[in-house]
C-alpha atoms as a PDB file:
ATOM      1  CA  MET A   1     -11.932 -20.548  41.468  1.00  0.00           C
ATOM      2  CA  PRO A   2     -15.224 -19.969  39.097  1.00  0.00           C
ATOM      3  CA  THR A   3     -15.231 -18.027  35.249  1.00  0.00           C
ATOM      4  CA  SER A   4     -16.212 -14.467  35.285  1.00  0.00           C
ATOM      5  CA  GLN A   5     -18.999 -13.344  32.613  1.00  0.00           C
ATOM      6  CA  ALA A   6     -16.265 -11.104  31.671  1.00  0.00           C
ATOM      7  CA  ASP A   7     -13.898 -13.607  30.766  1.00  0.00           C
ATOM      8  CA  THR A   8     -16.348 -15.835  28.733  1.00  0.00           C
ATOM      9  CA  ASN A   9     -17.029 -13.365  26.943  1.00  0.00           C
ATOM     10  CA  SER A  10     -13.953 -11.749  25.642  1.00  0.00           C
ATOM     11  CA  ARG A  11     -12.972 -15.758  24.448  1.00  0.00           C
ATOM     12  CA  PRO A  12     -13.508 -16.249  21.069  1.00  0.00           C
ATOM     13  CA  ASN A  13     -16.164 -18.659  19.781  1.00  0.00           C
ATOM     14  CA  THR A  14     -14.205 -20.970  18.383  1.00  0.00           C
ATOM     15  CA  ASP A  15     -17.405 -22.870  17.221  1.00  0.00           C
ATOM     16  CA  ALA A  16     -17.767 -19.700  14.852  1.00  0.00           C
ATOM     17  CA  PHE A  17     -13.990 -20.617  12.796  1.00  0.00           C
ATOM     18  CA  ARG A  18     -15.242 -24.396  12.226  1.00  0.00           C
ATOM     19  CA  ASP A  19     -17.983 -23.493   9.122  1.00  0.00           C
ATOM     20  CA  SER A  20     -16.257 -23.416   5.872  1.00  0.00           C
ATOM     21  CA  VAL A  21     -17.222 -22.325   3.257  1.00  0.00           C
ATOM     22  CA  HIS A  22     -17.169 -23.712  -0.270  1.00  0.00           C
ATOM     23  CA  LEU A  23     -16.021 -21.856  -3.790  1.00  0.00           C
ATOM     24  CA  SER A  24     -17.176 -23.180  -6.720  1.00  0.00           C
ATOM     25  CA  ASP A  25     -14.415 -23.098  -9.833  1.00  0.00           C
ATOM     26  CA  ARG A  26     -15.953 -19.705 -11.096  1.00  0.00           C
ATOM     27  CA  ALA A  27     -16.120 -18.015  -7.656  1.00  0.00           C
ATOM     28  CA  LYS A  28     -12.127 -18.896  -7.503  1.00  0.00           C
ATOM     29  CA  GLN A  29     -12.011 -17.733 -11.263  1.00  0.00           C
ATOM     30  CA  MET A  30     -13.670 -14.428 -10.337  1.00  0.00           C
ATOM     31  CA  LEU A  31     -11.336 -13.824  -7.111  1.00  0.00           C
ATOM     32  CA  THR A  32      -8.043 -14.840  -8.882  1.00  0.00           C
ATOM     33  CA  ASP A  33      -9.043 -12.657 -11.557  1.00  0.00           C
ATOM     34  CA  GLN A  34      -9.855 -10.129  -9.023  1.00  0.00           C
ATOM     35  CA  LEU A  35      -6.902  -9.939  -7.513  1.00  0.00           C
ATOM     36  CA  LYS A  36      -4.735 -10.251 -10.445  1.00  0.00           C
ATOM     37  CA  ARG A  37      -6.448  -7.054 -11.603  1.00  0.00           C
ATOM     38  CA  GLU A  38      -5.560  -5.316  -8.209  1.00  0.00           C
ATOM     39  CA  GLU A  39      -1.800  -6.926  -8.205  1.00  0.00           C
ATOM     40  CA  ALA A  40      -1.366  -4.690 -11.762  1.00  0.00           C
ATOM     41  CA  LYS A  41      -3.530  -1.512 -10.710  1.00  0.00           C
ATOM     42  CA  GLU A  42      -0.896  -1.234  -8.396  1.00  0.00           C
ATOM     43  CA  ASP A  43       2.210  -2.206  -9.859  1.00  0.00           C
ATOM     44  CA  GLU A  44       0.885   1.075 -12.447  1.00  0.00           C
ATOM     45  CA  LEU A  45       0.376   2.836  -9.013  1.00  0.00           C
ATOM     46  CA  GLY A  46       3.786   2.571  -8.171  1.00  0.00           C
ATOM     47  CA  LYS A  47       5.401   3.715 -11.611  1.00  0.00           C
ATOM     48  CA  GLU A  48       3.934   7.260 -10.885  1.00  0.00           C
ATOM     49  CA  SER A  49       6.722   8.089  -8.689  1.00  0.00           C
ATOM     50  CA  VAL A  50       9.114  10.679  -8.947  1.00  0.00           C
ATOM     51  CA  GLN A  51      12.750  10.162  -7.301  1.00  0.00           C
ATOM     52  CA  ILE A  52      14.637  13.307  -7.550  1.00  0.00           C
ATOM     53  CA  SER A  53      18.396  13.578  -6.042  1.00  0.00           C
ATOM     54  CA  SER A  54      19.427  13.976  -2.259  1.00  0.00           C
ATOM     55  CA  SER A  55      22.547  16.220  -4.693  1.00  0.00           C
ATOM     56  CA  ILE A  56      21.861  19.436  -5.102  1.00  0.00           C
ATOM     57  CA  GLY A  57      25.050  19.291  -7.155  1.00  0.00           C
ATOM     58  CA  ARG A  58      24.525  16.288  -8.965  1.00  0.00           C
ATOM     59  CA  LEU A  59      20.856  17.628  -9.716  1.00  0.00           C
ATOM     60  CA  SER A  60      22.207  20.338 -12.025  1.00  0.00           C
ATOM     61  CA  ARG A  61      24.399  18.614 -13.882  1.00  0.00           C
ATOM     62  CA  VAL A  62      21.725  15.864 -14.793  1.00  0.00           C
ATOM     63  CA  SER A  63      18.562  17.680 -15.639  1.00  0.00           C
ATOM     64  CA  GLY A  64      20.498  20.892 -16.639  1.00  0.00           C
ATOM     65  CA  LEU A  65      18.660  23.190 -14.094  1.00  0.00           C
ATOM     66  CA  HIS A  66      20.534  25.915 -11.915  1.00  0.00           C
ATOM     67  CA  ARG A  67      21.289  25.714  -9.199  1.00  0.00           C
ATOM     68  CA  GLU A  68      18.414  28.209  -7.743  1.00  0.00           C
ATOM     69  CA  GLU A  69      15.753  26.372 -10.058  1.00  0.00           C
ATOM     70  CA  VAL A  70      16.775  22.800  -8.398  1.00  0.00           C
ATOM     71  CA  ALA A  71      16.249  24.615  -4.655  1.00  0.00           C
ATOM     72  CA  ALA A  72      12.882  26.087  -6.068  1.00  0.00           C
ATOM     73  CA  LEU A  73      11.959  22.878  -7.635  1.00  0.00           C
ATOM     74  CA  TYR A  74      12.781  20.889  -4.045  1.00  0.00           C
ATOM     75  CA  ARG A  75      10.807  24.011  -1.779  1.00  0.00           C
ATOM     76  CA  SER A  76       7.818  23.153  -4.564  1.00  0.00           C
ATOM     77  CA  ILE A  77       7.907  19.289  -3.813  1.00  0.00           C
ATOM     78  CA  ASP A  78       8.421  20.323   0.118  1.00  0.00           C
ATOM     79  CA  ASN A  79       5.051  22.078   0.146  1.00  0.00           C
ATOM     80  CA  LEU A  80       3.198  19.372  -1.178  1.00  0.00           C
ATOM     81  CA  THR A  81       3.615  17.273   1.651  1.00  0.00           C
END
């Protein structure tokens, strides 16, 4: 059975994947440094979070807020999303 033109075009060009790129030691070091900076930035972003207890009673005991203040806090957080 002959292969149609569409079938031929849908196959990836495996020759293109055989080409390799050789990086100099300096380029490898720069790439490593960049990845480390990106990871450090992600770690810092991860520290910028807020944790709220789902129990209004528990949060009011821990934070010293009254029930109404805690409910208002939850509403304001909900409005942010």
